[in-house]
Amino acid sequence: MTEATLIVNHPVGLHARPAAVFVQKAREFNSKITIQNMSREQSKEVPVSAFNLLQIGVRSGHEVRIRAEGDDAVQAVAALTQLVRENFGEV
């Protein structure tokens, strides 16, 4: 299992277009990928999907933990980390 914890700095957080870009990138990998909003007390770790991303309510400035388990887990976490750090390509 590989994981990364980072801050989402996009102005709308992980909603709408940034969420769609995140899900699209996650689908490029075979690993099981999950995400958790560490900035909310009741947040659970959930599989990456558009619906789940909206449910966990990641806003700008929130800390998230991305985990991946599988044969391409390292690459998946690296790609998603880069996407978040680059503000989802400013969509």
C-alpha atoms as a PDB file:
ATOM      1  CA  MET A   1       0.000   0.000   0.000  1.00  0.00           C
ATOM      2  CA  THR A   2       1.199   3.491  -0.871  1.00  0.00           C
ATOM      3  CA  GLU A   3      -0.235   6.736   0.434  1.00  0.00           C
ATOM      4  CA  ALA A   4       0.223  10.493   0.392  1.00  0.00           C
ATOM      5  CA  THR A   5      -1.270  13.242   2.516  1.00  0.00           C
ATOM      6  CA  LEU A   6      -1.587  16.672   0.936  1.00  0.00           C
ATOM      7  CA  ILE A   7      -3.445  19.960   0.962  1.00  0.00           C
ATOM      8  CA  VAL A   8      -5.960  20.782  -1.792  1.00  0.00           C
ATOM      9  CA  ASN A   9      -5.417  24.406  -2.829  1.00  0.00           C
ATOM     10  CA  HIS A  10      -7.781  24.676  -5.792  1.00  0.00           C
ATOM     11  CA  PRO A  11     -10.299  27.522  -5.199  1.00  0.00           C
ATOM     12  CA  VAL A  12     -13.316  25.167  -5.390  1.00  0.00           C
ATOM     13  CA  GLY A  13     -11.609  22.288  -3.606  1.00  0.00           C
ATOM     14  CA  LEU A  14     -12.275  18.849  -5.013  1.00  0.00           C
ATOM     15  CA  HIS A  15     -15.651  19.587  -6.623  1.00  0.00           C
ATOM     16  CA  ALA A  16     -17.050  19.770 -10.140  1.00  0.00           C
ATOM     17  CA  ARG A  17     -14.276  19.893 -12.742  1.00  0.00           C
ATOM     18  CA  PRO A  18     -11.356  19.164 -10.397  1.00  0.00           C
ATOM     19  CA  ALA A  19     -13.229  16.098  -9.130  1.00  0.00           C
ATOM     20  CA  ALA A  20     -13.871  14.905 -12.684  1.00  0.00           C
ATOM     21  CA  VAL A  21     -10.195  15.335 -13.581  1.00  0.00           C
ATOM     22  CA  PHE A  22      -9.166  13.463 -10.410  1.00  0.00           C
ATOM     23  CA  VAL A  23     -11.513  10.537 -11.133  1.00  0.00           C
ATOM     24  CA  GLN A  24     -10.385  10.373 -14.763  1.00  0.00           C
ATOM     25  CA  LYS A  25      -6.727  10.193 -13.700  1.00  0.00           C
ATOM     26  CA  ALA A  26      -7.485   7.539 -11.051  1.00  0.00           C
ATOM     27  CA  ARG A  27      -9.190   5.358 -13.682  1.00  0.00           C
ATOM     28  CA  GLU A  28      -5.888   5.105 -15.574  1.00  0.00           C
ATOM     29  CA  PHE A  29      -4.593   2.726 -12.897  1.00  0.00           C
ATOM     30  CA  ASN A  30      -5.478  -0.826 -11.894  1.00  0.00           C
ATOM     31  CA  SER A  31      -4.875  -0.292  -8.184  1.00  0.00           C
ATOM     32  CA  LYS A  32      -7.665   0.164  -5.665  1.00  0.00           C
ATOM     33  CA  ILE A  33      -7.528   3.902  -4.879  1.00  0.00           C
ATOM     34  CA  THR A  34      -9.200   5.511  -1.879  1.00  0.00           C
ATOM     35  CA  ILE A  35      -9.357   9.043  -0.510  1.00  0.00           C
ATOM     36  CA  GLN A  36     -10.177  10.549   2.873  1.00  0.00           C
ATOM     37  CA  ASN A  37     -10.812  14.157   3.863  1.00  0.00           C
ATOM     38  CA  MET A  38      -8.584  14.483   6.933  1.00  0.00           C
ATOM     39  CA  SER A  39      -9.971  17.953   7.688  1.00  0.00           C
ATOM     40  CA  ARG A  40     -13.434  16.636   8.598  1.00  0.00           C
ATOM     41  CA  GLU A  41     -13.910  14.710  11.817  1.00  0.00           C
ATOM     42  CA  GLN A  42     -16.496  12.255  10.497  1.00  0.00           C
ATOM     43  CA  SER A  43     -14.902  11.633   7.115  1.00  0.00           C
ATOM     44  CA  LYS A  44     -14.426   8.019   6.067  1.00  0.00           C
ATOM     45  CA  GLU A  45     -11.953   6.591   3.614  1.00  0.00           C
ATOM     46  CA  VAL A  46     -13.885   5.971   0.383  1.00  0.00           C
ATOM     47  CA  PRO A  47     -13.135   4.558  -3.068  1.00  0.00           C
ATOM     48  CA  VAL A  48     -12.469   7.273  -5.632  1.00  0.00           C
ATOM     49  CA  SER A  49     -15.611   8.122  -7.616  1.00  0.00           C
ATOM     50  CA  ALA A  50     -17.308  11.381  -8.588  1.00  0.00           C
ATOM     51  CA  PHE A  51     -20.110  10.749  -6.102  1.00  0.00           C
ATOM     52  CA  ASN A  52     -17.755   9.891  -3.236  1.00  0.00           C
ATOM     53  CA  LEU A  53     -15.597  12.957  -3.848  1.00  0.00           C
ATOM     54  CA  LEU A  54     -18.634  15.179  -3.526  1.00  0.00           C
ATOM     55  CA  GLN A  55     -19.770  13.319  -0.416  1.00  0.00           C
ATOM     56  CA  ILE A  56     -16.514  13.855   1.510  1.00  0.00           C
ATOM     57  CA  GLY A  57     -16.690  17.610   0.859  1.00  0.00           C
ATOM     58  CA  VAL A  58     -13.086  18.586   0.172  1.00  0.00           C
ATOM     59  CA  ARG A  59     -12.771  22.371   0.136  1.00  0.00           C
ATOM     60  CA  SER A  60      -9.775  24.562  -0.583  1.00  0.00           C
ATOM     61  CA  GLY A  61      -7.270  24.214   2.239  1.00  0.00           C
ATOM     62  CA  HIS A  62      -8.471  20.763   3.311  1.00  0.00           C
ATOM     63  CA  GLU A  63      -6.004  17.952   3.869  1.00  0.00           C
ATOM     64  CA  VAL A  64      -6.654  14.669   2.059  1.00  0.00           C
ATOM     65  CA  ARG A  65      -5.047  11.254   2.242  1.00  0.00           C
ATOM     66  CA  ILE A  66      -4.816   9.254  -0.970  1.00  0.00           C
ATOM     67  CA  ARG A  67      -4.112   5.534  -0.712  1.00  0.00           C
ATOM     68  CA  ALA A  68      -3.561   2.952  -3.405  1.00  0.00           C
ATOM     69  CA  GLU A  69      -3.124  -0.785  -3.220  1.00  0.00           C
ATOM     70  CA  GLY A  70      -2.086  -2.859  -6.198  1.00  0.00           C
ATOM     71  CA  ASP A  71       0.662  -3.439  -8.718  1.00  0.00           C
ATOM     72  CA  ASP A  72       0.737   0.193  -9.905  1.00  0.00           C
ATOM     73  CA  ALA A  73       0.017   1.820  -6.514  1.00  0.00           C
ATOM     74  CA  VAL A  74       3.216   3.870  -6.422  1.00  0.00           C
ATOM     75  CA  GLN A  75       2.559   5.305  -9.868  1.00  0.00           C
ATOM     76  CA  ALA A  76      -1.100   6.002  -9.048  1.00  0.00           C
ATOM     77  CA  VAL A  77      -0.337   7.932  -5.872  1.00  0.00           C
ATOM     78  CA  ALA A  78       2.479   9.828  -7.600  1.00  0.00           C
ATOM     79  CA  ALA A  79       0.225  10.850 -10.504  1.00  0.00           C
ATOM     80  CA  LEU A  80      -2.657  11.916  -8.251  1.00  0.00           C
ATOM     81  CA  THR A  81      -0.298  13.800  -5.946  1.00  0.00           C
ATOM     82  CA  GLN A  82       1.118  15.688  -8.916  1.00  0.00           C
ATOM     83  CA  LEU A  83      -2.393  16.472 -10.141  1.00  0.00           C
ATOM     84  CA  VAL A  84      -3.376  17.963  -6.766  1.00  0.00           C
ATOM     85  CA  ARG A  85      -0.126  19.932  -6.464  1.00  0.00           C
ATOM     86  CA  GLU A  86      -0.646  21.348  -9.960  1.00  0.00           C
ATOM     87  CA  ASN A  87      -4.200  22.412  -9.035  1.00  0.00           C
ATOM     88  CA  PHE A  88      -5.769  19.908 -11.440  1.00  0.00           C
ATOM     89  CA  GLY A  89      -4.320  21.698 -14.446  1.00  0.00           C
ATOM     90  CA  GLU A  90      -6.196  24.849 -13.311  1.00  0.00           C
ATOM     91  CA  VAL A  91      -9.611  23.627 -14.525  1.00  0.00           C
END
